[in-house]
Amino acid sequence: MPRVELNAKAPDFTLNDFNGKTISLADFTGQKNVLVVFNRGFF
């Protein structure tokens, strides 16, 4: 898995939310903060 350096721009990615809707990091461009949580309990 590639590592992201401190203070580097996060790579764009796309995942499904808990409702199955596709969400991309690019959807939040321009917003100040984005919190991403990966819950392994769903796997």
PDB file of N, CA and C in Angstrom:
ATOM      1  N   MET A   1       0.840  -1.163   0.000  1.00  0.00           N
ATOM      2  CA  MET A   1       0.000   0.000   0.000  1.00  0.00           C
ATOM      3  C   MET A   1       0.895   1.239   0.000  1.00  0.00           C
ATOM      4  N   PRO A   2       0.637   2.189  -0.928  1.00  0.00           N
ATOM      5  CA  PRO A   2       1.467   3.390  -0.961  1.00  0.00           C
ATOM      6  C   PRO A   2       1.239   4.269   0.271  1.00  0.00           C
ATOM      7  N   ARG A   3       2.293   4.919   0.697  1.00  0.00           N
ATOM      8  CA  ARG A   3       2.203   5.815   1.847  1.00  0.00           C
ATOM      9  C   ARG A   3       2.061   7.247   1.356  1.00  0.00           C
ATOM     10  N   VAL A   4       1.352   8.046   2.136  1.00  0.00           N
ATOM     11  CA  VAL A   4       1.213   9.469   1.850  1.00  0.00           C
ATOM     12  C   VAL A   4       2.113  10.211   2.825  1.00  0.00           C
ATOM     13  N   GLU A   5       2.981  11.043   2.300  1.00  0.00           N
ATOM     14  CA  GLU A   5       3.896  11.808   3.136  1.00  0.00           C
ATOM     15  C   GLU A   5       3.135  12.881   3.908  1.00  0.00           C
ATOM     16  N   LEU A   6       3.647  13.255   5.052  1.00  0.00           N
ATOM     17  CA  LEU A   6       3.064  14.293   5.881  1.00  0.00           C
ATOM     18  C   LEU A   6       2.945  15.585   5.086  1.00  0.00           C
ATOM     19  N   ASN A   7       1.789  16.225   5.165  1.00  0.00           N
ATOM     20  CA  ASN A   7       1.477  17.487   4.473  1.00  0.00           C
ATOM     21  C   ASN A   7       1.365  17.344   2.960  1.00  0.00           C
ATOM     22  N   ALA A   8       1.329  16.126   2.447  1.00  0.00           N
ATOM     23  CA  ALA A   8       1.148  15.909   1.011  1.00  0.00           C
ATOM     24  C   ALA A   8      -0.342  15.839   0.700  1.00  0.00           C
ATOM     25  N   LYS A   9      -0.691  16.160  -0.524  1.00  0.00           N
ATOM     26  CA  LYS A   9      -2.078  16.067  -0.969  1.00  0.00           C
ATOM     27  C   LYS A   9      -2.483  14.595  -1.007  1.00  0.00           C
ATOM     28  N   ALA A  10      -3.642  14.288  -0.453  1.00  0.00           N
ATOM     29  CA  ALA A  10      -4.137  12.906  -0.444  1.00  0.00           C
ATOM     30  C   ALA A  10      -4.505  12.472  -1.861  1.00  0.00           C
ATOM     31  N   PRO A  11      -4.220  11.232  -2.222  1.00  0.00           N
ATOM     32  CA  PRO A  11      -4.622  10.750  -3.549  1.00  0.00           C
ATOM     33  C   PRO A  11      -6.140  10.599  -3.604  1.00  0.00           C
ATOM     34  N   ASP A  12      -6.711  10.843  -4.773  1.00  0.00           N
ATOM     35  CA  ASP A  12      -8.161  10.705  -4.924  1.00  0.00           C
ATOM     36  C   ASP A  12      -8.537   9.225  -4.840  1.00  0.00           C
ATOM     37  N   PHE A  13      -9.670   8.945  -4.240  1.00  0.00           N
ATOM     38  CA  PHE A  13     -10.185   7.585  -4.169  1.00  0.00           C
ATOM     39  C   PHE A  13     -11.694   7.635  -4.144  1.00  0.00           C
ATOM     40  N   THR A  14     -12.331   6.522  -4.462  1.00  0.00           N
ATOM     41  CA  THR A  14     -13.785   6.415  -4.492  1.00  0.00           C
ATOM     42  C   THR A  14     -14.189   5.181  -3.704  1.00  0.00           C
ATOM     43  N   LEU A  15     -15.174   5.347  -2.833  1.00  0.00           N
ATOM     44  CA  LEU A  15     -15.707   4.258  -2.009  1.00  0.00           C
ATOM     45  C   LEU A  15     -17.228   4.369  -1.946  1.00  0.00           C
ATOM     46  N   ASN A  16     -17.868   3.333  -1.480  1.00  0.00           N
ATOM     47  CA  ASN A  16     -19.308   3.375  -1.238  1.00  0.00           C
ATOM     48  C   ASN A  16     -19.561   3.701   0.220  1.00  0.00           C
ATOM     49  N   ASP A  17     -20.571   4.575   0.477  1.00  0.00           N
ATOM     50  CA  ASP A  17     -20.930   4.859   1.861  1.00  0.00           C
ATOM     51  C   ASP A  17     -21.825   3.741   2.382  1.00  0.00           C
ATOM     52  N   PHE A  18     -22.330   3.885   3.609  1.00  0.00           N
ATOM     53  CA  PHE A  18     -23.111   2.812   4.215  1.00  0.00           C
ATOM     54  C   PHE A  18     -24.457   2.611   3.533  1.00  0.00           C
ATOM     55  N   ASN A  19     -24.877   3.545   2.681  1.00  0.00           N
ATOM     56  CA  ASN A  19     -26.115   3.392   1.909  1.00  0.00           C
ATOM     57  C   ASN A  19     -25.852   2.871   0.501  1.00  0.00           C
ATOM     58  N   GLY A  20     -24.585   2.631   0.166  1.00  0.00           N
ATOM     59  CA  GLY A  20     -24.229   2.143  -1.153  1.00  0.00           C
ATOM     60  C   GLY A  20     -23.982   3.246  -2.164  1.00  0.00           C
ATOM     61  N   LYS A  21     -24.072   4.526  -1.740  1.00  0.00           N
ATOM     62  CA  LYS A  21     -23.826   5.653  -2.630  1.00  0.00           C
ATOM     63  C   LYS A  21     -22.319   5.808  -2.843  1.00  0.00           C
ATOM     64  N   THR A  22     -21.911   6.016  -4.093  1.00  0.00           N
ATOM     65  CA  THR A  22     -20.506   6.191  -4.413  1.00  0.00           C
ATOM     66  C   THR A  22     -20.070   7.606  -4.042  1.00  0.00           C
ATOM     67  N   ILE A  23     -19.014   7.693  -3.250  1.00  0.00           N
ATOM     68  CA  ILE A  23     -18.469   8.964  -2.791  1.00  0.00           C
ATOM     69  C   ILE A  23     -16.988   9.003  -3.175  1.00  0.00           C
ATOM     70  N   SER A  24     -16.550  10.131  -3.700  1.00  0.00           N
ATOM     71  CA  SER A  24     -15.152  10.311  -4.071  1.00  0.00           C
ATOM     72  C   SER A  24     -14.557  11.431  -3.236  1.00  0.00           C
ATOM     73  N   LEU A  25     -13.283  11.335  -2.942  1.00  0.00           N
ATOM     74  CA  LEU A  25     -12.620  12.405  -2.208  1.00  0.00           C
ATOM     75  C   LEU A  25     -12.733  13.718  -2.982  1.00  0.00           C
ATOM     76  N   ALA A  26     -12.711  13.654  -4.293  1.00  0.00           N
ATOM     77  CA  ALA A  26     -12.829  14.852  -5.130  1.00  0.00           C
ATOM     78  C   ALA A  26     -14.170  15.571  -4.913  1.00  0.00           C
ATOM     79  N   ASP A  27     -15.187  14.866  -4.416  1.00  0.00           N
ATOM     80  CA  ASP A  27     -16.482  15.488  -4.138  1.00  0.00           C
ATOM     81  C   ASP A  27     -16.372  16.555  -3.046  1.00  0.00           C
ATOM     82  N   PHE A  28     -15.314  16.528  -2.269  1.00  0.00           N
ATOM     83  CA  PHE A  28     -15.148  17.441  -1.145  1.00  0.00           C
ATOM     84  C   PHE A  28     -14.100  18.520  -1.419  1.00  0.00           C
ATOM     85  N   THR A  29     -13.695  18.678  -2.675  1.00  0.00           N
ATOM     86  CA  THR A  29     -12.710  19.694  -3.034  1.00  0.00           C
ATOM     87  C   THR A  29     -13.202  21.070  -2.604  1.00  0.00           C
ATOM     88  N   GLY A  30     -12.314  21.815  -1.948  1.00  0.00           N
ATOM     89  CA  GLY A  30     -12.654  23.154  -1.503  1.00  0.00           C
ATOM     90  C   GLY A  30     -13.165  23.229  -0.080  1.00  0.00           C
ATOM     91  N   GLN A  31     -13.504  22.087   0.506  1.00  0.00           N
ATOM     92  CA  GLN A  31     -13.936  22.090   1.895  1.00  0.00           C
ATOM     93  C   GLN A  31     -12.706  22.050   2.795  1.00  0.00           C
ATOM     94  N   LYS A  32     -12.832  22.654   3.964  1.00  0.00           N
ATOM     95  CA  LYS A  32     -11.677  22.797   4.841  1.00  0.00           C
ATOM     96  C   LYS A  32     -11.215  21.466   5.436  1.00  0.00           C
ATOM     97  N   ASN A  33     -12.134  20.651   5.942  1.00  0.00           N
ATOM     98  CA  ASN A  33     -11.766  19.392   6.598  1.00  0.00           C
ATOM     99  C   ASN A  33     -12.609  18.245   6.071  1.00  0.00           C
ATOM    100  N   VAL A  34     -11.964  17.117   5.899  1.00  0.00           N
ATOM    101  CA  VAL A  34     -12.660  15.886   5.512  1.00  0.00           C
ATOM    102  C   VAL A  34     -12.185  14.794   6.446  1.00  0.00           C
ATOM    103  N   LEU A  35     -13.118  14.096   7.075  1.00  0.00           N
ATOM    104  CA  LEU A  35     -12.786  13.001   7.979  1.00  0.00           C
ATOM    105  C   LEU A  35     -13.188  11.689   7.313  1.00  0.00           C
ATOM    106  N   VAL A  36     -12.242  10.787   7.193  1.00  0.00           N
ATOM    107  CA  VAL A  36     -12.498   9.484   6.589  1.00  0.00           C
ATOM    108  C   VAL A  36     -12.301   8.428   7.666  1.00  0.00           C
ATOM    109  N   VAL A  37     -13.314   7.572   7.855  1.00  0.00           N
ATOM    110  CA  VAL A  37     -13.246   6.524   8.866  1.00  0.00           C
ATOM    111  C   VAL A  37     -13.445   5.183   8.166  1.00  0.00           C
ATOM    112  N   PHE A  38     -12.541   4.259   8.413  1.00  0.00           N
ATOM    113  CA  PHE A  38     -12.666   2.903   7.886  1.00  0.00           C
ATOM    114  C   PHE A  38     -13.002   1.993   9.055  1.00  0.00           C
ATOM    115  N   ASN A  39     -14.208   1.458   9.048  1.00  0.00           N
ATOM    116  CA  ASN A  39     -14.652   0.575  10.115  1.00  0.00           C
ATOM    117  C   ASN A  39     -14.501  -0.878   9.655  1.00  0.00           C
ATOM    118  N   ARG A  40     -13.563  -1.571  10.181  1.00  0.00           N
ATOM    119  CA  ARG A  40     -13.318  -2.957   9.768  1.00  0.00           C
ATOM    120  C   ARG A  40     -14.420  -3.905  10.212  1.00  0.00           C
ATOM    121  N   GLY A  41     -15.319  -3.464  11.073  1.00  0.00           N
ATOM    122  CA  GLY A  41     -16.425  -4.292  11.529  1.00  0.00           C
ATOM    123  C   GLY A  41     -17.382  -4.671  10.427  1.00  0.00           C
ATOM    124  N   PHE A  42     -17.378  -3.924   9.320  1.00  0.00           N
ATOM    125  CA  PHE A  42     -18.291  -4.209   8.216  1.00  0.00           C
ATOM    126  C   PHE A  42     -17.722  -5.220   7.240  1.00  0.00           C
ATOM    127  N   PHE A  43     -16.453  -5.572   7.368  1.00  0.00           N
ATOM    128  CA  PHE A  43     -15.832  -6.500   6.415  1.00  0.00           C
ATOM    129  C   PHE A  43     -16.064  -7.924   6.794  1.00  0.00           C
TER     130      PHE A  43
END
